[in-house]
Amino acid sequence: MRPFLIGQYEQVAERLEHQAVRLAVASLRVRMTGDALAALLTGSTWATLVWPAASGRVSLAAAGTAVVGIRAASTAVDVIVRAAAKVFHTGLYVDDWQAFLVDAEQWRTTRGTTELPLAGPTAVRAEARALRSLRRLLDVLAAGPA
């Protein structure tokens, strides 16, 4: 029984590790793309603001007001992006959970079809061999990993 349980644990751990690596790579790609796009757009926004202010087409007061507006808009966009990322990560979790449930269906135990009497069983019988096997299993489990 012990090798079977350890084998099952190793299979599950291997699948979880594979999924964690796959999700980390996908998350890194999304983050890098988002960071690059944010840097490009932020740089172009500041360049668009500095160019008219430096050439004298916009007063310094108007440029200062635009700076405050840009910072407020940037904060609002940051909040929206973080909320979207949270929804995305939750979606990945739900997708993985549903895939796990589909995989777990094959391991589900089924009960017999014999109906029990409403009063319950009248006798419970155990054979000595079954008890010895149970004692051996309990001893192995109590001993822990080899």
N, C-alpha and C. Protein backbone atom coordinates (compact mmCIF):
# COMPACT_ATOMS: atom_id res chain seq x y z
N MET A 1 0.82 -1.19 0.00
CA MET A 1 0.00 0.00 0.00
C MET A 1 0.87 1.26 0.00
N ARG A 2 1.97 1.21 0.74
CA ARG A 2 2.84 2.38 0.85
C ARG A 2 3.41 2.81 -0.49
N PRO A 3 3.95 1.88 -1.30
CA PRO A 3 4.47 2.31 -2.60
C PRO A 3 3.37 2.92 -3.49
N PHE A 4 2.16 2.37 -3.40
CA PHE A 4 1.06 2.93 -4.19
C PHE A 4 0.77 4.36 -3.77
N LEU A 5 0.66 4.60 -2.46
CA LEU A 5 0.36 5.95 -1.97
C LEU A 5 1.47 6.94 -2.33
N ILE A 6 2.71 6.50 -2.18
CA ILE A 6 3.84 7.37 -2.54
C ILE A 6 3.83 7.65 -4.04
N GLY A 7 3.52 6.64 -4.84
CA GLY A 7 3.42 6.83 -6.29
C GLY A 7 2.33 7.83 -6.65
N GLN A 8 1.19 7.72 -5.99
CA GLN A 8 0.10 8.67 -6.25
C GLN A 8 0.52 10.08 -5.85
N TYR A 9 1.17 10.21 -4.71
CA TYR A 9 1.64 11.53 -4.26
C TYR A 9 2.63 12.13 -5.26
N GLU A 10 3.55 11.30 -5.74
CA GLU A 10 4.55 11.80 -6.70
C GLU A 10 3.90 12.22 -8.01
N GLN A 11 2.87 11.48 -8.46
CA GLN A 11 2.17 11.87 -9.69
C GLN A 11 1.49 13.22 -9.52
N VAL A 12 0.81 13.40 -8.41
CA VAL A 12 0.11 14.66 -8.16
C VAL A 12 1.11 15.80 -8.03
N ALA A 13 2.18 15.58 -7.29
CA ALA A 13 3.20 16.62 -7.10
C ALA A 13 3.85 17.00 -8.44
N GLU A 14 4.09 16.02 -9.28
CA GLU A 14 4.69 16.31 -10.59
C GLU A 14 3.74 17.13 -11.46
N ARG A 15 2.45 16.78 -11.44
CA ARG A 15 1.47 17.56 -12.21
C ARG A 15 1.36 18.98 -11.68
N LEU A 16 1.36 19.13 -10.37
CA LEU A 16 1.28 20.46 -9.78
C LEU A 16 2.51 21.30 -10.13
N GLU A 17 3.66 20.69 -10.08
CA GLU A 17 4.89 21.41 -10.42
C GLU A 17 4.88 21.83 -11.90
N HIS A 18 4.43 20.94 -12.77
CA HIS A 18 4.35 21.26 -14.19
C HIS A 18 3.39 22.43 -14.42
N GLN A 19 2.25 22.40 -13.77
CA GLN A 19 1.28 23.49 -13.91
C GLN A 19 1.83 24.80 -13.36
N ALA A 20 2.53 24.74 -12.23
CA ALA A 20 3.10 25.95 -11.65
C ALA A 20 4.13 26.58 -12.58
N VAL A 21 4.96 25.78 -13.20
CA VAL A 21 5.96 26.30 -14.14
C VAL A 21 5.27 26.89 -15.37
N ARG A 22 4.27 26.19 -15.88
CA ARG A 22 3.54 26.69 -17.06
C ARG A 22 2.88 28.03 -16.76
N LEU A 23 2.25 28.13 -15.60
CA LEU A 23 1.58 29.38 -15.25
C LEU A 23 2.58 30.49 -14.96
N ALA A 24 3.72 30.16 -14.39
CA ALA A 24 4.72 31.19 -14.12
C ALA A 24 5.26 31.77 -15.43
N VAL A 25 5.47 30.92 -16.42
CA VAL A 25 5.96 31.41 -17.72
C VAL A 25 4.90 32.29 -18.38
N ALA A 26 3.66 31.85 -18.35
CA ALA A 26 2.58 32.66 -18.95
C ALA A 26 2.44 33.99 -18.23
N SER A 27 2.51 33.97 -16.91
CA SER A 27 2.40 35.19 -16.12
C SER A 27 3.56 36.14 -16.42
N LEU A 28 4.75 35.59 -16.56
CA LEU A 28 5.92 36.41 -16.86
C LEU A 28 5.80 37.07 -18.24
N ARG A 29 5.30 36.33 -19.21
CA ARG A 29 5.11 36.91 -20.55
C ARG A 29 4.12 38.07 -20.51
N VAL A 30 3.02 37.88 -19.81
CA VAL A 30 2.01 38.93 -19.72
C VAL A 30 2.59 40.14 -19.00
N ARG A 31 3.31 39.90 -17.90
CA ARG A 31 3.89 41.00 -17.14
C ARG A 31 4.93 41.77 -17.96
N MET A 32 5.79 41.05 -18.67
CA MET A 32 6.81 41.73 -19.47
C MET A 32 6.19 42.55 -20.60
N THR A 33 5.18 41.99 -21.24
CA THR A 33 4.49 42.72 -22.31
C THR A 33 3.82 43.97 -21.74
N GLY A 34 3.14 43.81 -20.63
CA GLY A 34 2.47 44.95 -20.00
C GLY A 34 3.44 46.02 -19.54
N ASP A 35 4.55 45.60 -18.95
CA ASP A 35 5.54 46.58 -18.48
C ASP A 35 6.18 47.33 -19.65
N ALA A 36 6.47 46.62 -20.72
CA ALA A 36 7.07 47.28 -21.89
C ALA A 36 6.09 48.27 -22.51
N LEU A 37 4.85 47.86 -22.63
CA LEU A 37 3.83 48.76 -23.20
C LEU A 37 3.61 49.97 -22.29
N ALA A 38 3.57 49.75 -20.98
CA ALA A 38 3.39 50.86 -20.03
C ALA A 38 4.56 51.84 -20.11
N ALA A 39 5.77 51.33 -20.20
CA ALA A 39 6.93 52.20 -20.29
C ALA A 39 6.89 53.02 -21.58
N LEU A 40 6.53 52.39 -22.68
CA LEU A 40 6.45 53.09 -23.96
C LEU A 40 5.39 54.19 -23.92
N LEU A 41 4.22 53.87 -23.41
CA LEU A 41 3.14 54.86 -23.36
C LEU A 41 3.44 55.99 -22.36
N THR A 42 4.04 55.65 -21.23
CA THR A 42 4.39 56.68 -20.25
C THR A 42 5.44 57.63 -20.83
N GLY A 43 6.44 57.06 -21.47
CA GLY A 43 7.47 57.89 -22.09
C GLY A 43 6.91 58.81 -23.16
N SER A 44 6.01 58.27 -23.98
CA SER A 44 5.42 59.11 -25.03
C SER A 44 4.51 60.18 -24.43
N THR A 45 3.83 59.88 -23.33
CA THR A 45 2.98 60.88 -22.67
C THR A 45 3.82 62.03 -22.12
N TRP A 46 4.92 61.69 -21.44
CA TRP A 46 5.77 62.74 -20.88
C TRP A 46 6.45 63.54 -21.99
N ALA A 47 6.84 62.89 -23.06
CA ALA A 47 7.46 63.61 -24.18
C ALA A 47 6.45 64.56 -24.83
N THR A 48 5.22 64.10 -24.93
CA THR A 48 4.17 64.96 -25.49
C THR A 48 3.91 66.17 -24.60
N LEU A 49 4.07 66.02 -23.31
CA LEU A 49 3.88 67.13 -22.38
C LEU A 49 5.09 68.06 -22.34
N VAL A 50 6.28 67.50 -22.35
CA VAL A 50 7.50 68.31 -22.23
C VAL A 50 7.75 69.13 -23.50
N TRP A 51 7.50 68.56 -24.66
CA TRP A 51 7.79 69.24 -25.92
C TRP A 51 7.07 70.60 -26.04
N PRO A 52 5.73 70.70 -25.82
CA PRO A 52 5.10 72.03 -25.91
C PRO A 52 5.53 72.96 -24.78
N ALA A 53 5.78 72.42 -23.58
CA ALA A 53 6.20 73.28 -22.47
C ALA A 53 7.60 73.83 -22.73
N ALA A 54 8.49 73.03 -23.27
CA ALA A 54 9.85 73.48 -23.53
C ALA A 54 9.91 74.48 -24.70
N SER A 55 9.02 74.32 -25.65
CA SER A 55 9.03 75.23 -26.80
C SER A 55 8.21 76.50 -26.54
N GLY A 56 7.58 76.60 -25.37
CA GLY A 56 6.84 77.80 -25.01
C GLY A 56 5.42 77.84 -25.54
N ARG A 57 4.93 76.79 -26.12
CA ARG A 57 3.57 76.77 -26.65
C ARG A 57 2.53 76.61 -25.54
N VAL A 58 2.95 76.05 -24.39
CA VAL A 58 2.06 75.85 -23.25
C VAL A 58 2.72 76.50 -22.04
N SER A 59 1.91 77.21 -21.23
CA SER A 59 2.47 77.87 -20.04
C SER A 59 2.89 76.82 -19.01
N LEU A 60 3.78 77.23 -18.13
CA LEU A 60 4.27 76.33 -17.09
C LEU A 60 3.14 75.90 -16.15
N ALA A 61 2.20 76.81 -15.87
CA ALA A 61 1.06 76.47 -15.01
C ALA A 61 0.19 75.39 -15.66
N ALA A 62 -0.05 75.53 -16.95
CA ALA A 62 -0.85 74.53 -17.67
C ALA A 62 -0.13 73.19 -17.70
N ALA A 63 1.20 73.21 -17.88
CA ALA A 63 1.98 71.98 -17.88
C ALA A 63 1.95 71.32 -16.51
N GLY A 64 2.01 72.14 -15.44
CA GLY A 64 1.93 71.59 -14.08
C GLY A 64 0.58 70.95 -13.82
N THR A 65 -0.48 71.58 -14.31
CA THR A 65 -1.82 71.00 -14.17
C THR A 65 -1.92 69.69 -14.95
N ALA A 66 -1.32 69.64 -16.10
CA ALA A 66 -1.31 68.42 -16.89
C ALA A 66 -0.55 67.31 -16.18
N VAL A 67 0.53 67.68 -15.47
CA VAL A 67 1.29 66.68 -14.70
C VAL A 67 0.39 66.05 -13.64
N VAL A 68 -0.36 66.89 -12.91
CA VAL A 68 -1.26 66.37 -11.88
C VAL A 68 -2.31 65.45 -12.52
N GLY A 69 -2.85 65.87 -13.65
CA GLY A 69 -3.84 65.04 -14.35
C GLY A 69 -3.26 63.72 -14.83
N ILE A 70 -2.05 63.78 -15.34
CA ILE A 70 -1.40 62.55 -15.81
C ILE A 70 -1.17 61.59 -14.66
N ARG A 71 -0.72 62.10 -13.54
CA ARG A 71 -0.48 61.23 -12.38
C ARG A 71 -1.77 60.61 -11.86
N ALA A 72 -2.85 61.40 -11.83
CA ALA A 72 -4.14 60.87 -11.39
C ALA A 72 -4.64 59.79 -12.36
N ALA A 73 -4.53 60.05 -13.64
CA ALA A 73 -4.95 59.06 -14.64
C ALA A 73 -4.10 57.81 -14.57
N SER A 74 -2.80 58.00 -14.34
CA SER A 74 -1.89 56.86 -14.23
C SER A 74 -2.26 55.98 -13.04
N THR A 75 -2.60 56.61 -11.92
CA THR A 75 -3.01 55.84 -10.75
C THR A 75 -4.31 55.08 -11.02
N ALA A 76 -5.26 55.73 -11.68
CA ALA A 76 -6.52 55.06 -12.00
C ALA A 76 -6.30 53.87 -12.93
N VAL A 77 -5.45 54.05 -13.93
CA VAL A 77 -5.15 52.96 -14.85
C VAL A 77 -4.46 51.81 -14.12
N ASP A 78 -3.56 52.16 -13.20
CA ASP A 78 -2.86 51.13 -12.42
C ASP A 78 -3.85 50.30 -11.61
N VAL A 79 -4.83 50.95 -11.00
CA VAL A 79 -5.85 50.23 -10.23
C VAL A 79 -6.64 49.29 -11.14
N ILE A 80 -7.01 49.78 -12.31
CA ILE A 80 -7.77 48.95 -13.26
C ILE A 80 -6.94 47.74 -13.71
N VAL A 81 -5.68 47.98 -14.00
CA VAL A 81 -4.81 46.89 -14.47
C VAL A 81 -4.63 45.84 -13.36
N ARG A 82 -4.44 46.29 -12.13
CA ARG A 82 -4.29 45.33 -11.02
C ARG A 82 -5.56 44.52 -10.83
N ALA A 83 -6.72 45.16 -10.94
CA ALA A 83 -7.98 44.43 -10.82
C ALA A 83 -8.13 43.41 -11.94
N ALA A 84 -7.76 43.79 -13.16
CA ALA A 84 -7.83 42.86 -14.29
C ALA A 84 -6.86 41.69 -14.09
N ALA A 85 -5.68 41.97 -13.55
CA ALA A 85 -4.71 40.89 -13.29
C ALA A 85 -5.26 39.92 -12.24
N LYS A 86 -5.93 40.46 -11.23
CA LYS A 86 -6.51 39.60 -10.20
C LYS A 86 -7.60 38.70 -10.80
N VAL A 87 -8.43 39.27 -11.67
CA VAL A 87 -9.46 38.47 -12.34
C VAL A 87 -8.81 37.41 -13.23
N PHE A 88 -7.75 37.77 -13.92
CA PHE A 88 -7.03 36.83 -14.78
C PHE A 88 -6.48 35.67 -13.97
N HIS A 89 -5.82 35.97 -12.85
CA HIS A 89 -5.25 34.91 -12.01
C HIS A 89 -6.34 34.02 -11.42
N THR A 90 -7.44 34.63 -11.03
CA THR A 90 -8.55 33.83 -10.51
C THR A 90 -9.10 32.91 -11.59
N GLY A 91 -9.17 33.42 -12.81
CA GLY A 91 -9.62 32.60 -13.93
C GLY A 91 -8.70 31.42 -14.18
N LEU A 92 -7.41 31.64 -14.05
CA LEU A 92 -6.46 30.53 -14.21
C LEU A 92 -6.68 29.48 -13.13
N TYR A 93 -6.92 29.93 -11.90
CA TYR A 93 -7.17 28.99 -10.81
C TYR A 93 -8.43 28.17 -11.07
N VAL A 94 -9.49 28.84 -11.49
CA VAL A 94 -10.75 28.14 -11.74
C VAL A 94 -10.59 27.14 -12.89
N ASP A 95 -9.86 27.54 -13.92
CA ASP A 95 -9.62 26.64 -15.05
C ASP A 95 -8.84 25.41 -14.60
N ASP A 96 -7.81 25.61 -13.79
CA ASP A 96 -7.03 24.48 -13.27
C ASP A 96 -7.88 23.60 -12.38
N TRP A 97 -8.73 24.21 -11.58
CA TRP A 97 -9.59 23.45 -10.67
C TRP A 97 -10.56 22.58 -11.48
N GLN A 98 -11.14 23.12 -12.54
CA GLN A 98 -12.06 22.34 -13.35
C GLN A 98 -11.32 21.20 -14.06
N ALA A 99 -10.11 21.46 -14.52
CA ALA A 99 -9.32 20.38 -15.14
C ALA A 99 -9.00 19.30 -14.11
N PHE A 100 -8.71 19.70 -12.88
CA PHE A 100 -8.45 18.73 -11.82
C PHE A 100 -9.69 17.88 -11.56
N LEU A 101 -10.86 18.50 -11.52
CA LEU A 101 -12.09 17.75 -11.27
C LEU A 101 -12.35 16.73 -12.37
N VAL A 102 -12.05 17.10 -13.60
CA VAL A 102 -12.22 16.15 -14.71
C VAL A 102 -11.25 14.99 -14.54
N ASP A 103 -9.99 15.29 -14.19
CA ASP A 103 -9.00 14.22 -13.98
C ASP A 103 -9.34 13.36 -12.77
N ALA A 104 -9.86 13.99 -11.73
CA ALA A 104 -10.14 13.27 -10.49
C ALA A 104 -11.32 12.32 -10.64
N GLU A 105 -12.17 12.54 -11.61
CA GLU A 105 -13.35 11.68 -11.80
C GLU A 105 -12.95 10.22 -11.98
N GLN A 106 -11.83 9.98 -12.66
CA GLN A 106 -11.40 8.59 -12.88
C GLN A 106 -10.92 7.92 -11.60
N TRP A 107 -10.55 8.69 -10.59
CA TRP A 107 -10.06 8.12 -9.33
C TRP A 107 -11.15 8.01 -8.27
N ARG A 108 -12.35 8.46 -8.61
CA ARG A 108 -13.44 8.45 -7.64
C ARG A 108 -13.83 7.02 -7.31
N THR A 109 -14.07 6.75 -6.05
CA THR A 109 -14.50 5.42 -5.64
C THR A 109 -16.01 5.31 -5.81
N THR A 110 -16.45 4.13 -6.10
CA THR A 110 -17.89 3.89 -6.22
C THR A 110 -18.31 2.93 -5.13
N ARG A 111 -19.49 3.14 -4.63
CA ARG A 111 -20.01 2.27 -3.59
C ARG A 111 -20.80 1.14 -4.24
N GLY A 112 -21.01 0.10 -3.47
CA GLY A 112 -21.78 -1.04 -3.97
C GLY A 112 -23.25 -0.67 -4.15
N THR A 113 -23.98 -1.58 -4.73
CA THR A 113 -25.40 -1.34 -4.98
C THR A 113 -26.31 -2.00 -3.96
N THR A 114 -25.74 -2.72 -3.01
CA THR A 114 -26.54 -3.41 -2.01
C THR A 114 -27.12 -2.40 -1.03
N GLU A 115 -28.43 -2.46 -0.85
CA GLU A 115 -29.10 -1.56 0.09
C GLU A 115 -28.94 -2.08 1.51
N LEU A 116 -28.66 -1.19 2.44
CA LEU A 116 -28.59 -1.57 3.85
C LEU A 116 -29.97 -1.50 4.46
N PRO A 117 -30.26 -2.40 5.40
CA PRO A 117 -31.56 -2.31 6.07
C PRO A 117 -31.65 -1.02 6.89
N LEU A 118 -32.84 -0.49 7.06
CA LEU A 118 -33.01 0.76 7.79
C LEU A 118 -32.51 0.66 9.23
N ALA A 119 -32.63 -0.51 9.83
CA ALA A 119 -32.19 -0.69 11.22
C ALA A 119 -30.68 -0.81 11.33
N GLY A 120 -30.00 -0.90 10.22
CA GLY A 120 -28.55 -1.05 10.24
C GLY A 120 -28.15 -2.51 10.25
N PRO A 121 -26.86 -2.79 10.24
CA PRO A 121 -26.43 -4.19 10.23
C PRO A 121 -26.73 -4.86 11.58
N THR A 122 -27.05 -6.16 11.54
CA THR A 122 -27.31 -6.90 12.78
C THR A 122 -26.04 -7.49 13.34
N ALA A 123 -25.04 -7.68 12.50
CA ALA A 123 -23.77 -8.23 12.99
C ALA A 123 -22.65 -7.72 12.10
N VAL A 124 -21.48 -7.53 12.71
CA VAL A 124 -20.29 -7.16 11.97
C VAL A 124 -19.27 -8.25 12.22
N ARG A 125 -18.73 -8.80 11.15
CA ARG A 125 -17.82 -9.91 11.27
C ARG A 125 -16.47 -9.52 10.67
N ALA A 126 -15.40 -9.87 11.33
CA ALA A 126 -14.06 -9.62 10.81
C ALA A 126 -13.27 -10.90 10.92
N GLU A 127 -12.55 -11.22 9.89
CA GLU A 127 -11.72 -12.42 9.91
C GLU A 127 -10.34 -12.07 10.42
N ALA A 128 -9.67 -13.02 11.01
CA ALA A 128 -8.36 -12.79 11.61
C ALA A 128 -7.36 -12.29 10.58
N ARG A 129 -7.43 -12.83 9.39
CA ARG A 129 -6.47 -12.42 8.36
C ARG A 129 -6.67 -10.94 8.01
N ALA A 130 -7.89 -10.52 7.91
CA ALA A 130 -8.16 -9.11 7.61
C ALA A 130 -7.62 -8.23 8.73
N LEU A 131 -7.75 -8.65 9.96
CA LEU A 131 -7.24 -7.85 11.07
C LEU A 131 -5.71 -7.81 11.06
N ARG A 132 -5.08 -8.93 10.72
CA ARG A 132 -3.62 -8.93 10.63
C ARG A 132 -3.17 -7.98 9.54
N SER A 133 -3.85 -7.99 8.39
CA SER A 133 -3.48 -7.09 7.31
C SER A 133 -3.69 -5.64 7.71
N LEU A 134 -4.75 -5.38 8.42
CA LEU A 134 -5.00 -4.02 8.89
C LEU A 134 -3.92 -3.61 9.89
N ARG A 135 -3.54 -4.51 10.80
CA ARG A 135 -2.50 -4.20 11.78
C ARG A 135 -1.18 -3.91 11.06
N ARG A 136 -0.86 -4.72 10.03
CA ARG A 136 0.37 -4.51 9.27
C ARG A 136 0.35 -3.14 8.57
N LEU A 137 -0.79 -2.78 7.98
CA LEU A 137 -0.93 -1.48 7.33
C LEU A 137 -0.73 -0.35 8.33
N LEU A 138 -1.34 -0.48 9.50
CA LEU A 138 -1.19 0.56 10.52
C LEU A 138 0.26 0.67 11.00
N ASP A 139 0.94 -0.47 11.12
CA ASP A 139 2.35 -0.45 11.52
C ASP A 139 3.21 0.26 10.46
N VAL A 140 2.93 -0.03 9.19
CA VAL A 140 3.70 0.58 8.11
C VAL A 140 3.46 2.08 8.08
N LEU A 141 2.21 2.49 8.23
CA LEU A 141 1.90 3.91 8.22
C LEU A 141 2.50 4.61 9.43
N ALA A 142 2.51 3.95 10.58
CA ALA A 142 3.07 4.56 11.79
C ALA A 142 4.60 4.70 11.68
N ALA A 143 5.25 3.78 10.94
CA ALA A 143 6.70 3.80 10.82
C ALA A 143 7.16 5.00 10.00
N GLY A 144 6.31 5.51 9.13
CA GLY A 144 6.69 6.67 8.34
C GLY A 144 7.52 6.27 7.13
N PRO A 145 8.06 7.29 6.42
CA PRO A 145 8.83 6.99 5.21
C PRO A 145 10.12 6.24 5.52
N ALA A 146 10.50 5.38 4.59
CA ALA A 146 11.72 4.58 4.78
C ALA A 146 12.95 5.39 4.50
